[in-house]
Amino acid sequence: MGAHLGRRYITETDTEPDPSKKFQFDPEFGFGERKERVMVASQEQMNLAQLPLEQRDYCAQYLLKLMKCKRDNWPNFLACKHERHDWDYCEHQDYVMRMKEYERERRLQLRKKKIEAKAEAA
């Protein structure tokens, strides 16, 4: 469970990406064409709903629907289980995508290190 911490701080410090910094490889590298993610909820909608900054992500439109449903069906909070499921699923997909991007960056850094080692040996 803490393998990435060992790699980050002990064994592979030069190839482990820093999550607090921007990735160094081009996001299009190795792909024919990638769709860029688009925010569906506007800044104005999020401001009106008073969403906290940490929840203003690509899943904000689902959270806005959930908040509206909770407001409209106030005492019956179970009426919004479909909206809750949609928001949870979007958050999970977002997490999985971020982890895949992190792993992609790590593998590209390992690849770059191997190529540089072969160039030095030759």
PDB file of N, CA and C in Angstrom:
ATOM      1  N   MET A   1       0.811  -1.195   0.000  1.00  0.00           N
ATOM      2  CA  MET A   1       0.000   0.000   0.000  1.00  0.00           C
ATOM      3  C   MET A   1       0.855   1.260   0.000  1.00  0.00           C
ATOM      4  N   GLY A   2       2.041   1.204   0.547  1.00  0.00           N
ATOM      5  CA  GLY A   2       2.901   2.373   0.560  1.00  0.00           C
ATOM      6  C   GLY A   2       4.054   2.260  -0.408  1.00  0.00           C
ATOM      7  N   ALA A   3       3.907   1.410  -1.431  1.00  0.00           N
ATOM      8  CA  ALA A   3       4.996   1.171  -2.376  1.00  0.00           C
ATOM      9  C   ALA A   3       5.410   2.449  -3.089  1.00  0.00           C
ATOM     10  N   HIS A   4       4.434   3.286  -3.435  1.00  0.00           N
ATOM     11  CA  HIS A   4       4.786   4.515  -4.149  1.00  0.00           C
ATOM     12  C   HIS A   4       5.604   5.447  -3.251  1.00  0.00           C
ATOM     13  N   LEU A   5       5.414   5.387  -1.934  1.00  0.00           N
ATOM     14  CA  LEU A   5       6.206   6.227  -1.037  1.00  0.00           C
ATOM     15  C   LEU A   5       7.653   5.759  -0.997  1.00  0.00           C
ATOM     16  N   GLY A   6       7.843   4.434  -0.981  1.00  0.00           N
ATOM     17  CA  GLY A   6       9.195   3.902  -1.021  1.00  0.00           C
ATOM     18  C   GLY A   6       9.906   4.278  -2.303  1.00  0.00           C
ATOM     19  N   ARG A   7       9.189   4.159  -3.423  1.00  0.00           N
ATOM     20  CA  ARG A   7       9.784   4.544  -4.714  1.00  0.00           C
ATOM     21  C   ARG A   7      10.066   6.041  -4.752  1.00  0.00           C
ATOM     22  N   ARG A   8       9.152   6.825  -4.206  1.00  0.00           N
ATOM     23  CA  ARG A   8       9.274   8.281  -4.291  1.00  0.00           C
ATOM     24  C   ARG A   8      10.453   8.812  -3.490  1.00  0.00           C
ATOM     25  N   TYR A   9      10.659   8.276  -2.292  1.00  0.00           N
ATOM     26  CA  TYR A   9      11.640   8.871  -1.392  1.00  0.00           C
ATOM     27  C   TYR A   9      12.895   8.034  -1.173  1.00  0.00           C
ATOM     28  N   ILE A  10      12.899   6.746  -1.578  1.00  0.00           N
ATOM     29  CA  ILE A  10      14.056   5.912  -1.266  1.00  0.00           C
ATOM     30  C   ILE A  10      14.707   5.335  -2.524  1.00  0.00           C
ATOM     31  N   THR A  11      13.965   4.545  -3.299  1.00  0.00           N
ATOM     32  CA  THR A  11      14.615   3.776  -4.362  1.00  0.00           C
ATOM     33  C   THR A  11      14.684   4.487  -5.708  1.00  0.00           C
ATOM     34  N   GLU A  12      13.569   4.978  -6.220  1.00  0.00           N
ATOM     35  CA  GLU A  12      13.533   5.543  -7.574  1.00  0.00           C
ATOM     36  C   GLU A  12      13.198   7.030  -7.536  1.00  0.00           C
ATOM     37  N   THR A  13      13.980   7.788  -6.821  1.00  0.00           N
ATOM     38  CA  THR A  13      13.667   9.210  -6.660  1.00  0.00           C
ATOM     39  C   THR A  13      13.773   9.996  -7.958  1.00  0.00           C
ATOM     40  N   ASP A  14      14.602   9.543  -8.888  1.00  0.00           N
ATOM     41  CA  ASP A  14      14.777  10.288 -10.135  1.00  0.00           C
ATOM     42  C   ASP A  14      13.720   9.953 -11.182  1.00  0.00           C
ATOM     43  N   THR A  15      13.043   8.818 -11.061  1.00  0.00           N
ATOM     44  CA  THR A  15      12.042   8.441 -12.059  1.00  0.00           C
ATOM     45  C   THR A  15      10.610   8.546 -11.541  1.00  0.00           C
ATOM     46  N   GLU A  16      10.427   8.759 -10.286  1.00  0.00           N
ATOM     47  CA  GLU A  16       9.069   8.862  -9.735  1.00  0.00           C
ATOM     48  C   GLU A  16       8.560  10.289  -9.928  1.00  0.00           C
ATOM     49  N   PRO A  17       7.409  10.488 -10.608  1.00  0.00           N
ATOM     50  CA  PRO A  17       6.910  11.841 -10.848  1.00  0.00           C
ATOM     51  C   PRO A  17       6.448  12.515  -9.560  1.00  0.00           C
ATOM     52  N   ASP A  18       6.617  13.806  -9.520  1.00  0.00           N
ATOM     53  CA  ASP A  18       6.162  14.583  -8.374  1.00  0.00           C
ATOM     54  C   ASP A  18       4.727  15.025  -8.646  1.00  0.00           C
ATOM     55  N   PRO A  19       3.755  14.556  -7.839  1.00  0.00           N
ATOM     56  CA  PRO A  19       2.362  14.904  -8.117  1.00  0.00           C
ATOM     57  C   PRO A  19       2.043  16.381  -7.933  1.00  0.00           C
ATOM     58  N   SER A  20       2.879  17.103  -7.215  1.00  0.00           N
ATOM     59  CA  SER A  20       2.597  18.524  -6.996  1.00  0.00           C
ATOM     60  C   SER A  20       3.078  19.397  -8.152  1.00  0.00           C
ATOM     61  N   LYS A  21       3.843  18.815  -9.079  1.00  0.00           N
ATOM     62  CA  LYS A  21       4.355  19.571 -10.215  1.00  0.00           C
ATOM     63  C   LYS A  21       3.691  19.096 -11.502  1.00  0.00           C
ATOM     64  N   LYS A  22       3.809  19.921 -12.538  1.00  0.00           N
ATOM     65  CA  LYS A  22       3.260  19.569 -13.849  1.00  0.00           C
ATOM     66  C   LYS A  22       4.111  18.455 -14.458  1.00  0.00           C
ATOM     67  N   PHE A  23       3.451  17.533 -15.159  1.00  0.00           N
ATOM     68  CA  PHE A  23       4.176  16.432 -15.787  1.00  0.00           C
ATOM     69  C   PHE A  23       5.077  16.962 -16.886  1.00  0.00           C
ATOM     70  N   GLN A  24       6.210  16.289 -17.110  1.00  0.00           N
ATOM     71  CA  GLN A  24       7.183  16.808 -18.064  1.00  0.00           C
ATOM     72  C   GLN A  24       6.958  16.301 -19.485  1.00  0.00           C
ATOM     73  N   PHE A  25       6.196  15.230 -19.679  1.00  0.00           N
ATOM     74  CA  PHE A  25       5.975  14.698 -21.024  1.00  0.00           C
ATOM     75  C   PHE A  25       4.695  15.257 -21.614  1.00  0.00           C
ATOM     76  N   ASP A  26       4.693  15.345 -22.934  1.00  0.00           N
ATOM     77  CA  ASP A  26       3.529  15.843 -23.662  1.00  0.00           C
ATOM     78  C   ASP A  26       2.347  14.885 -23.478  1.00  0.00           C
ATOM     79  N   PRO A  27       1.173  15.385 -23.131  1.00  0.00           N
ATOM     80  CA  PRO A  27       0.017  14.494 -22.959  1.00  0.00           C
ATOM     81  C   PRO A  27      -0.381  13.760 -24.242  1.00  0.00           C
ATOM     82  N   GLU A  28       0.000  14.279 -25.400  1.00  0.00           N
ATOM     83  CA  GLU A  28      -0.331  13.648 -26.680  1.00  0.00           C
ATOM     84  C   GLU A  28       0.690  12.592 -27.088  1.00  0.00           C
ATOM     85  N   PHE A  29       1.807  12.485 -26.358  1.00  0.00           N
ATOM     86  CA  PHE A  29       2.882  11.565 -26.720  1.00  0.00           C
ATOM     87  C   PHE A  29       2.376  10.123 -26.650  1.00  0.00           C
ATOM     88  N   GLY A  30       2.447   9.406 -27.794  1.00  0.00           N
ATOM     89  CA  GLY A  30       2.026   8.021 -27.846  1.00  0.00           C
ATOM     90  C   GLY A  30       0.562   7.827 -28.196  1.00  0.00           C
ATOM     91  N   PHE A  31      -0.171   8.891 -28.407  1.00  0.00           N
ATOM     92  CA  PHE A  31      -1.586   8.796 -28.757  1.00  0.00           C
ATOM     93  C   PHE A  31      -1.813   9.437 -30.118  1.00  0.00           C
ATOM     94  N   GLY A  32      -2.729   8.868 -30.873  1.00  0.00           N
ATOM     95  CA  GLY A  32      -3.091   9.469 -32.155  1.00  0.00           C
ATOM     96  C   GLY A  32      -3.823  10.778 -31.931  1.00  0.00           C
ATOM     97  N   GLU A  33      -4.882  10.689 -31.169  1.00  0.00           N
ATOM     98  CA  GLU A  33      -5.670  11.885 -30.873  1.00  0.00           C
ATOM     99  C   GLU A  33      -6.385  11.660 -29.551  1.00  0.00           C
ATOM    100  N   ARG A  34      -6.263  12.604 -28.649  1.00  0.00           N
ATOM    101  CA  ARG A  34      -6.928  12.514 -27.351  1.00  0.00           C
ATOM    102  C   ARG A  34      -7.933  13.650 -27.224  1.00  0.00           C
ATOM    103  N   LYS A  35      -9.100  13.323 -26.651  1.00  0.00           N
ATOM    104  CA  LYS A  35     -10.083  14.368 -26.397  1.00  0.00           C
ATOM    105  C   LYS A  35      -9.697  15.116 -25.129  1.00  0.00           C
ATOM    106  N   GLU A  36      -9.750  16.420 -25.214  1.00  0.00           N
ATOM    107  CA  GLU A  36      -9.471  17.220 -24.032  1.00  0.00           C
ATOM    108  C   GLU A  36     -10.721  17.268 -23.160  1.00  0.00           C
ATOM    109  N   ARG A  37     -10.527  17.159 -21.857  1.00  0.00           N
ATOM    110  CA  ARG A  37     -11.664  17.198 -20.943  1.00  0.00           C
ATOM    111  C   ARG A  37     -12.213  18.617 -20.871  1.00  0.00           C
ATOM    112  N   VAL A  38     -13.526  18.704 -20.770  1.00  0.00           N
ATOM    113  CA  VAL A  38     -14.192  19.999 -20.754  1.00  0.00           C
ATOM    114  C   VAL A  38     -15.061  20.086 -19.512  1.00  0.00           C
ATOM    115  N   MET A  39     -15.000  21.231 -18.855  1.00  0.00           N
ATOM    116  CA  MET A  39     -15.876  21.474 -17.710  1.00  0.00           C
ATOM    117  C   MET A  39     -17.281  21.754 -18.232  1.00  0.00           C
ATOM    118  N   VAL A  40     -18.257  21.012 -17.736  1.00  0.00           N
ATOM    119  CA  VAL A  40     -19.640  21.210 -18.152  1.00  0.00           C
ATOM    120  C   VAL A  40     -20.283  22.313 -17.306  1.00  0.00           C
ATOM    121  N   ALA A  41     -20.032  22.278 -16.026  1.00  0.00           N
ATOM    122  CA  ALA A  41     -20.580  23.303 -15.135  1.00  0.00           C
ATOM    123  C   ALA A  41     -19.764  24.585 -15.277  1.00  0.00           C
ATOM    124  N   SER A  42     -20.452  25.702 -15.409  1.00  0.00           N
ATOM    125  CA  SER A  42     -19.749  26.973 -15.565  1.00  0.00           C
ATOM    126  C   SER A  42     -19.336  27.526 -14.194  1.00  0.00           C
ATOM    127  N   GLN A  43     -18.420  28.462 -14.244  1.00  0.00           N
ATOM    128  CA  GLN A  43     -17.954  29.099 -13.010  1.00  0.00           C
ATOM    129  C   GLN A  43     -19.107  29.817 -12.313  1.00  0.00           C
ATOM    130  N   GLU A  44     -19.973  30.422 -13.103  1.00  0.00           N
ATOM    131  CA  GLU A  44     -21.114  31.137 -12.535  1.00  0.00           C
ATOM    132  C   GLU A  44     -22.066  30.184 -11.803  1.00  0.00           C
ATOM    133  N   GLN A  45     -22.334  29.017 -12.397  1.00  0.00           N
ATOM    134  CA  GLN A  45     -23.198  28.033 -11.751  1.00  0.00           C
ATOM    135  C   GLN A  45     -22.599  27.556 -10.433  1.00  0.00           C
ATOM    136  N   MET A  46     -21.300  27.312 -10.431  1.00  0.00           N
ATOM    137  CA  MET A  46     -20.648  26.845  -9.209  1.00  0.00           C
ATOM    138  C   MET A  46     -20.642  27.931  -8.142  1.00  0.00           C
ATOM    139  N   ASN A  47     -20.473  29.184  -8.562  1.00  0.00           N
ATOM    140  CA  ASN A  47     -20.526  30.295  -7.595  1.00  0.00           C
ATOM    141  C   ASN A  47     -21.924  30.430  -6.997  1.00  0.00           C
ATOM    142  N   LEU A  48     -22.950  30.321  -7.840  1.00  0.00           N
ATOM    143  CA  LEU A  48     -24.320  30.435  -7.348  1.00  0.00           C
ATOM    144  C   LEU A  48     -24.668  29.300  -6.383  1.00  0.00           C
ATOM    145  N   ALA A  49     -24.138  28.103  -6.649  1.00  0.00           N
ATOM    146  CA  ALA A  49     -24.398  26.960  -5.774  1.00  0.00           C
ATOM    147  C   ALA A  49     -23.504  26.972  -4.544  1.00  0.00           C
ATOM    148  N   GLN A  50     -22.557  27.901  -4.490  1.00  0.00           N
ATOM    149  CA  GLN A  50     -21.604  28.039  -3.386  1.00  0.00           C
ATOM    150  C   GLN A  50     -20.813  26.746  -3.153  1.00  0.00           C
ATOM    151  N   LEU A  51     -20.344  26.173  -4.260  1.00  0.00           N
ATOM    152  CA  LEU A  51     -19.521  24.969  -4.160  1.00  0.00           C
ATOM    153  C   LEU A  51     -18.166  25.321  -3.568  1.00  0.00           C
ATOM    154  N   PRO A  52     -17.669  24.528  -2.636  1.00  0.00           N
ATOM    155  CA  PRO A  52     -16.314  24.758  -2.133  1.00  0.00           C
ATOM    156  C   PRO A  52     -15.287  24.530  -3.242  1.00  0.00           C
ATOM    157  N   LEU A  53     -14.146  25.159  -3.138  1.00  0.00           N
ATOM    158  CA  LEU A  53     -13.123  25.073  -4.186  1.00  0.00           C
ATOM    159  C   LEU A  53     -12.664  23.644  -4.432  1.00  0.00           C
ATOM    160  N   GLU A  54     -12.587  22.831  -3.384  1.00  0.00           N
ATOM    161  CA  GLU A  54     -12.098  21.457  -3.565  1.00  0.00           C
ATOM    162  C   GLU A  54     -13.101  20.575  -4.314  1.00  0.00           C
ATOM    163  N   GLN A  55     -14.328  21.019  -4.487  1.00  0.00           N
ATOM    164  CA  GLN A  55     -15.318  20.237  -5.224  1.00  0.00           C
ATOM    165  C   GLN A  55     -15.584  20.792  -6.621  1.00  0.00           C
ATOM    166  N   ARG A  56     -14.847  21.779  -7.028  1.00  0.00           N
ATOM    167  CA  ARG A  56     -15.011  22.358  -8.369  1.00  0.00           C
ATOM    168  C   ARG A  56     -14.103  21.619  -9.340  1.00  0.00           C
ATOM    169  N   ASP A  57     -14.527  20.439  -9.708  1.00  0.00           N
ATOM    170  CA  ASP A  57     -13.740  19.615 -10.612  1.00  0.00           C
ATOM    171  C   ASP A  57     -14.598  19.226 -11.819  1.00  0.00           C
ATOM    172  N   TYR A  58     -14.146  18.232 -12.571  1.00  0.00           N
ATOM    173  CA  TYR A  58     -14.864  17.822 -13.773  1.00  0.00           C
ATOM    174  C   TYR A  58     -16.187  17.135 -13.460  1.00  0.00           C
ATOM    175  N   CYS A  59     -16.448  16.822 -12.209  1.00  0.00           N
ATOM    176  CA  CYS A  59     -17.700  16.170 -11.811  1.00  0.00           C
ATOM    177  C   CYS A  59     -18.668  17.153 -11.166  1.00  0.00           C
ATOM    178  N   ALA A  60     -18.412  18.417 -11.275  1.00  0.00           N
ATOM    179  CA  ALA A  60     -19.238  19.422 -10.597  1.00  0.00           C
ATOM    180  C   ALA A  60     -20.673  19.419 -11.103  1.00  0.00           C
ATOM    181  N   GLN A  61     -20.896  19.112 -12.386  1.00  0.00           N
ATOM    182  CA  GLN A  61     -22.270  19.124 -12.887  1.00  0.00           C
ATOM    183  C   GLN A  61     -23.112  18.058 -12.193  1.00  0.00           C
ATOM    184  N   TYR A  62     -22.511  16.914 -11.855  1.00  0.00           N
ATOM    185  CA  TYR A  62     -23.246  15.869 -11.139  1.00  0.00           C
ATOM    186  C   TYR A  62     -23.512  16.289  -9.695  1.00  0.00           C
ATOM    187  N   LEU A  63     -22.554  16.962  -9.115  1.00  0.00           N
ATOM    188  CA  LEU A  63     -22.749  17.444  -7.747  1.00  0.00           C
ATOM    189  C   LEU A  63     -23.840  18.508  -7.697  1.00  0.00           C
ATOM    190  N   LEU A  64     -23.893  19.367  -8.701  1.00  0.00           N
ATOM    191  CA  LEU A  64     -24.958  20.376  -8.751  1.00  0.00           C
ATOM    192  C   LEU A  64     -26.334  19.716  -8.856  1.00  0.00           C
ATOM    193  N   LYS A  65     -26.435  18.663  -9.684  1.00  0.00           N
ATOM    194  CA  LYS A  65     -27.703  17.934  -9.790  1.00  0.00           C
ATOM    195  C   LYS A  65     -28.070  17.279  -8.458  1.00  0.00           C
ATOM    196  N   LEU A  66     -27.076  16.719  -7.772  1.00  0.00           N
ATOM    197  CA  LEU A  66     -27.324  16.094  -6.473  1.00  0.00           C
ATOM    198  C   LEU A  66     -27.789  17.122  -5.442  1.00  0.00           C
ATOM    199  N   MET A  67     -27.138  18.262  -5.410  1.00  0.00           N
ATOM    200  CA  MET A  67     -27.526  19.307  -4.463  1.00  0.00           C
ATOM    201  C   MET A  67     -28.938  19.818  -4.752  1.00  0.00           C
ATOM    202  N   LYS A  68     -29.283  19.960  -6.028  1.00  0.00           N
ATOM    203  CA  LYS A  68     -30.624  20.403  -6.399  1.00  0.00           C
ATOM    204  C   LYS A  68     -31.658  19.357  -5.984  1.00  0.00           C
ATOM    205  N   CYS A  69     -31.354  18.095  -6.215  1.00  0.00           N
ATOM    206  CA  CYS A  69     -32.274  17.026  -5.833  1.00  0.00           C
ATOM    207  C   CYS A  69     -32.480  17.001  -4.321  1.00  0.00           C
ATOM    208  N   LYS A  70     -31.400  17.152  -3.570  1.00  0.00           N
ATOM    209  CA  LYS A  70     -31.521  17.168  -2.105  1.00  0.00           C
ATOM    210  C   LYS A  70     -32.370  18.344  -1.636  1.00  0.00           C
ATOM    211  N   ARG A  71     -32.180  19.472  -2.303  1.00  0.00           N
ATOM    212  CA  ARG A  71     -32.958  20.645  -1.928  1.00  0.00           C
ATOM    213  C   ARG A  71     -34.443  20.451  -2.255  1.00  0.00           C
ATOM    214  N   ASP A  72     -34.735  19.880  -3.428  1.00  0.00           N
ATOM    215  CA  ASP A  72     -36.119  19.707  -3.854  1.00  0.00           C
ATOM    216  C   ASP A  72     -36.851  18.613  -3.068  1.00  0.00           C
ATOM    217  N   ASN A  73     -36.110  17.575  -2.655  1.00  0.00           N
ATOM    218  CA  ASN A  73     -36.724  16.450  -1.949  1.00  0.00           C
ATOM    219  C   ASN A  73     -36.279  16.423  -0.486  1.00  0.00           C
ATOM    220  N   TRP A  74     -36.225  17.565   0.160  1.00  0.00           N
ATOM    221  CA  TRP A  74     -35.554  17.727   1.441  1.00  0.00           C
ATOM    222  C   TRP A  74     -35.790  16.628   2.459  1.00  0.00           C
ATOM    223  N   PRO A  75     -36.958  16.333   2.920  1.00  0.00           N
ATOM    224  CA  PRO A  75     -36.974  15.337   3.989  1.00  0.00           C
ATOM    225  C   PRO A  75     -36.637  13.938   3.491  1.00  0.00           C
ATOM    226  N   ASN A  76     -36.912  13.683   2.225  1.00  0.00           N
ATOM    227  CA  ASN A  76     -36.672  12.351   1.670  1.00  0.00           C
ATOM    228  C   ASN A  76     -35.307  12.331   0.981  1.00  0.00           C
ATOM    229  N   PHE A  77     -34.260  12.145   1.748  1.00  0.00           N
ATOM    230  CA  PHE A  77     -32.915  12.172   1.179  1.00  0.00           C
ATOM    231  C   PHE A  77     -32.630  10.936   0.327  1.00  0.00           C
ATOM    232  N   LEU A  78     -33.411   9.867   0.483  1.00  0.00           N
ATOM    233  CA  LEU A  78     -33.197   8.653  -0.303  1.00  0.00           C
ATOM    234  C   LEU A  78     -33.673   8.793  -1.747  1.00  0.00           C
ATOM    235  N   ALA A  79     -34.405   9.852  -2.035  1.00  0.00           N
ATOM    236  CA  ALA A  79     -34.897  10.055  -3.404  1.00  0.00           C
ATOM    237  C   ALA A  79     -33.765  10.421  -4.364  1.00  0.00           C
ATOM    238  N   CYS A  80     -32.614  10.749  -3.857  1.00  0.00           N
ATOM    239  CA  CYS A  80     -31.510  11.237  -4.699  1.00  0.00           C
ATOM    240  C   CYS A  80     -30.401  10.209  -4.882  1.00  0.00           C
ATOM    241  N   LYS A  81     -30.733   8.934  -4.721  1.00  0.00           N
ATOM    242  CA  LYS A  81     -29.672   7.932  -4.797  1.00  0.00           C
ATOM    243  C   LYS A  81     -29.092   7.801  -6.204  1.00  0.00           C
ATOM    244  N   HIS A  82     -29.876   8.050  -7.235  1.00  0.00           N
ATOM    245  CA  HIS A  82     -29.342   7.969  -8.596  1.00  0.00           C
ATOM    246  C   HIS A  82     -28.360   9.114  -8.863  1.00  0.00           C
ATOM    247  N   GLU A  83     -28.700  10.303  -8.407  1.00  0.00           N
ATOM    248  CA  GLU A  83     -27.795  11.439  -8.568  1.00  0.00           C
ATOM    249  C   GLU A  83     -26.507  11.217  -7.769  1.00  0.00           C
ATOM    250  N   ARG A  84     -26.647  10.656  -6.580  1.00  0.00           N
ATOM    251  CA  ARG A  84     -25.474  10.366  -5.755  1.00  0.00           C
ATOM    252  C   ARG A  84     -24.577   9.332  -6.442  1.00  0.00           C
ATOM    253  N   HIS A  85     -25.204   8.316  -7.015  1.00  0.00           N
ATOM    254  CA  HIS A  85     -24.441   7.288  -7.721  1.00  0.00           C
ATOM    255  C   HIS A  85     -23.704   7.889  -8.915  1.00  0.00           C
ATOM    256  N   ASP A  86     -24.363   8.748  -9.681  1.00  0.00           N
ATOM    257  CA  ASP A  86     -23.722   9.383 -10.838  1.00  0.00           C
ATOM    258  C   ASP A  86     -22.512  10.205 -10.412  1.00  0.00           C
ATOM    259  N   TRP A  87     -22.661  10.952  -9.325  1.00  0.00           N
ATOM    260  CA  TRP A  87     -21.554  11.778  -8.850  1.00  0.00           C
ATOM    261  C   TRP A  87     -20.402  10.912  -8.328  1.00  0.00           C
ATOM    262  N   ASP A  88     -20.726   9.876  -7.543  1.00  0.00           N
ATOM    263  CA  ASP A  88     -19.681   8.978  -7.035  1.00  0.00           C
ATOM    264  C   ASP A  88     -18.949   8.277  -8.171  1.00  0.00           C
ATOM    265  N   TYR A  89     -19.699   7.845  -9.180  1.00  0.00           N
ATOM    266  CA  TYR A  89     -19.089   7.166 -10.315  1.00  0.00           C
ATOM    267  C   TYR A  89     -18.154   8.113 -11.070  1.00  0.00           C
ATOM    268  N   CYS A  90     -18.575   9.345 -11.270  1.00  0.00           N
ATOM    269  CA  CYS A  90     -17.731  10.329 -11.951  1.00  0.00           C
ATOM    270  C   CYS A  90     -16.464  10.591 -11.150  1.00  0.00           C
ATOM    271  N   GLU A  91     -16.590  10.729  -9.837  1.00  0.00           N
ATOM    272  CA  GLU A  91     -15.411  10.953  -8.989  1.00  0.00           C
ATOM    273  C   GLU A  91     -14.457   9.764  -9.070  1.00  0.00           C
ATOM    274  N   HIS A  92     -15.012   8.554  -9.089  1.00  0.00           N
ATOM    275  CA  HIS A  92     -14.170   7.356  -9.193  1.00  0.00           C
ATOM    276  C   HIS A  92     -13.444   7.326 -10.539  1.00  0.00           C
ATOM    277  N   GLN A  93     -14.166   7.606 -11.622  1.00  0.00           N
ATOM    278  CA  GLN A  93     -13.549   7.621 -12.945  1.00  0.00           C
ATOM    279  C   GLN A  93     -12.455   8.687 -13.029  1.00  0.00           C
ATOM    280  N   ASP A  94     -12.686   9.829 -12.408  1.00  0.00           N
ATOM    281  CA  ASP A  94     -11.693  10.894 -12.392  1.00  0.00           C
ATOM    282  C   ASP A  94     -10.432  10.439 -11.648  1.00  0.00           C
ATOM    283  N   TYR A  95     -10.624   9.775 -10.524  1.00  0.00           N
ATOM    284  CA  TYR A  95      -9.496   9.261  -9.741  1.00  0.00           C
ATOM    285  C   TYR A  95      -8.702   8.234 -10.546  1.00  0.00           C
ATOM    286  N   VAL A  96      -9.404   7.306 -11.193  1.00  0.00           N
ATOM    287  CA  VAL A  96      -8.741   6.276 -11.988  1.00  0.00           C
ATOM    288  C   VAL A  96      -7.950   6.916 -13.122  1.00  0.00           C
ATOM    289  N   MET A  97      -8.526   7.919 -13.772  1.00  0.00           N
ATOM    290  CA  MET A  97      -7.828   8.571 -14.868  1.00  0.00           C
ATOM    291  C   MET A  97      -6.563   9.287 -14.378  1.00  0.00           C
ATOM    292  N   ARG A  98      -6.659   9.950 -13.225  1.00  0.00           N
ATOM    293  CA  ARG A  98      -5.474  10.627 -12.680  1.00  0.00           C
ATOM    294  C   ARG A  98      -4.379   9.626 -12.311  1.00  0.00           C
ATOM    295  N   MET A  99      -4.760   8.468 -11.768  1.00  0.00           N
ATOM    296  CA  MET A  99      -3.773   7.448 -11.426  1.00  0.00           C
ATOM    297  C   MET A  99      -3.132   6.864 -12.685  1.00  0.00           C
ATOM    298  N   LYS A 100      -3.919   6.698 -13.747  1.00  0.00           N
ATOM    299  CA  LYS A 100      -3.361   6.210 -15.011  1.00  0.00           C
ATOM    300  C   LYS A 100      -2.377   7.217 -15.585  1.00  0.00           C
ATOM    301  N   GLU A 101      -2.699   8.491 -15.506  1.00  0.00           N
ATOM    302  CA  GLU A 101      -1.780   9.532 -15.996  1.00  0.00           C
ATOM    303  C   GLU A 101      -0.485   9.538 -15.179  1.00  0.00           C
ATOM    304  N   TYR A 102      -0.606   9.362 -13.878  1.00  0.00           N
ATOM    305  CA  TYR A 102       0.574   9.315 -13.003  1.00  0.00           C
ATOM    306  C   TYR A 102       1.454   8.129 -13.377  1.00  0.00           C
ATOM    307  N   GLU A 103       0.835   6.955 -13.555  1.00  0.00           N
ATOM    308  CA  GLU A 103       1.591   5.751 -13.918  1.00  0.00           C
ATOM    309  C   GLU A 103       2.210   5.897 -15.302  1.00  0.00           C
ATOM    310  N   ARG A 104       1.507   6.507 -16.233  1.00  0.00           N
ATOM    311  CA  ARG A 104       2.048   6.755 -17.570  1.00  0.00           C
ATOM    312  C   ARG A 104       3.297   7.626 -17.490  1.00  0.00           C
ATOM    313  N   GLU A 105       3.216   8.670 -16.695  1.00  0.00           N
ATOM    314  CA  GLU A 105       4.366   9.562 -16.531  1.00  0.00           C
ATOM    315  C   GLU A 105       5.551   8.814 -15.907  1.00  0.00           C
ATOM    316  N   ARG A 106       5.288   7.969 -14.922  1.00  0.00           N
ATOM    317  CA  ARG A 106       6.353   7.198 -14.277  1.00  0.00           C
ATOM    318  C   ARG A 106       7.020   6.261 -15.275  1.00  0.00           C
ATOM    319  N   ARG A 107       6.204   5.585 -16.082  1.00  0.00           N
ATOM    320  CA  ARG A 107       6.772   4.654 -17.057  1.00  0.00           C
ATOM    321  C   ARG A 107       7.546   5.375 -18.156  1.00  0.00           C
ATOM    322  N   LEU A 108       7.087   6.548 -18.554  1.00  0.00           N
ATOM    323  CA  LEU A 108       7.832   7.322 -19.555  1.00  0.00           C
ATOM    324  C   LEU A 108       9.169   7.796 -18.987  1.00  0.00           C
ATOM    325  N   GLN A 109       9.204   8.144 -17.716  1.00  0.00           N
ATOM    326  CA  GLN A 109      10.474   8.542 -17.101  1.00  0.00           C
ATOM    327  C   GLN A 109      11.432   7.359 -17.003  1.00  0.00           C
ATOM    328  N   LEU A 110      10.900   6.170 -16.672  1.00  0.00           N
ATOM    329  CA  LEU A 110      11.750   4.972 -16.658  1.00  0.00           C
ATOM    330  C   LEU A 110      12.289   4.677 -18.054  1.00  0.00           C
ATOM    331  N   ARG A 111      11.442   4.815 -19.057  1.00  0.00           N
ATOM    332  CA  ARG A 111      11.845   4.589 -20.451  1.00  0.00           C
ATOM    333  C   ARG A 111      12.951   5.564 -20.849  1.00  0.00           C
ATOM    334  N   LYS A 112      12.782   6.821 -20.485  1.00  0.00           N
ATOM    335  CA  LYS A 112      13.782   7.840 -20.799  1.00  0.00           C
ATOM    336  C   LYS A 112      15.121   7.514 -20.120  1.00  0.00           C
ATOM    337  N   LYS A 113      15.060   7.047 -18.893  1.00  0.00           N
ATOM    338  CA  LYS A 113      16.271   6.690 -18.160  1.00  0.00           C
ATOM    339  C   LYS A 113      16.987   5.509 -18.834  1.00  0.00           C
ATOM    340  N   LYS A 114      16.231   4.486 -19.294  1.00  0.00           N
ATOM    341  CA  LYS A 114      16.829   3.342 -19.967  1.00  0.00           C
ATOM    342  C   LYS A 114      17.471   3.748 -21.286  1.00  0.00           C
ATOM    343  N   ILE A 115      16.799   4.623 -22.043  1.00  0.00           N
ATOM    344  CA  ILE A 115      17.347   5.099 -23.318  1.00  0.00           C
ATOM    345  C   ILE A 115      18.634   5.872 -23.088  1.00  0.00           C
ATOM    346  N   GLU A 116      18.660   6.712 -22.052  1.00  0.00           N
ATOM    347  CA  GLU A 116      19.890   7.462 -21.748  1.00  0.00           C
ATOM    348  C   GLU A 116      20.997   6.541 -21.305  1.00  0.00           C
ATOM    349  N   ALA A 117      20.680   5.471 -20.551  1.00  0.00           N
ATOM    350  CA  ALA A 117      21.718   4.510 -20.127  1.00  0.00           C
ATOM    351  C   ALA A 117      22.293   3.759 -21.315  1.00  0.00           C
ATOM    352  N   LYS A 118      21.438   3.387 -22.294  1.00  0.00           N
ATOM    353  CA  LYS A 118      21.930   2.709 -23.500  1.00  0.00           C
ATOM    354  C   LYS A 118      22.800   3.645 -24.327  1.00  0.00           C
ATOM    355  N   ALA A 119      22.445   4.918 -24.399  1.00  0.00           N
ATOM    356  CA  ALA A 119      23.228   5.884 -25.168  1.00  0.00           C
ATOM    357  C   ALA A 119      24.593   6.091 -24.532  1.00  0.00           C
ATOM    358  N   GLU A 120      24.658   6.100 -23.208  1.00  0.00           N
ATOM    359  CA  GLU A 120      25.951   6.247 -22.517  1.00  0.00           C
ATOM    360  C   GLU A 120      26.816   5.013 -22.692  1.00  0.00           C
ATOM    361  N   ALA A 121      26.198   3.830 -22.703  1.00  0.00           N
ATOM    362  CA  ALA A 121      26.955   2.581 -22.848  1.00  0.00           C
ATOM    363  C   ALA A 121      27.510   2.427 -24.256  1.00  0.00           C
ATOM    364  N   ALA A 122      26.832   2.974 -25.239  1.00  0.00           N
ATOM    365  CA  ALA A 122      27.275   2.798 -26.644  1.00  0.00           C
ATOM    366  C   ALA A 122      28.364   3.750 -27.038  1.00  0.00           C
TER     367      ALA A 122
END
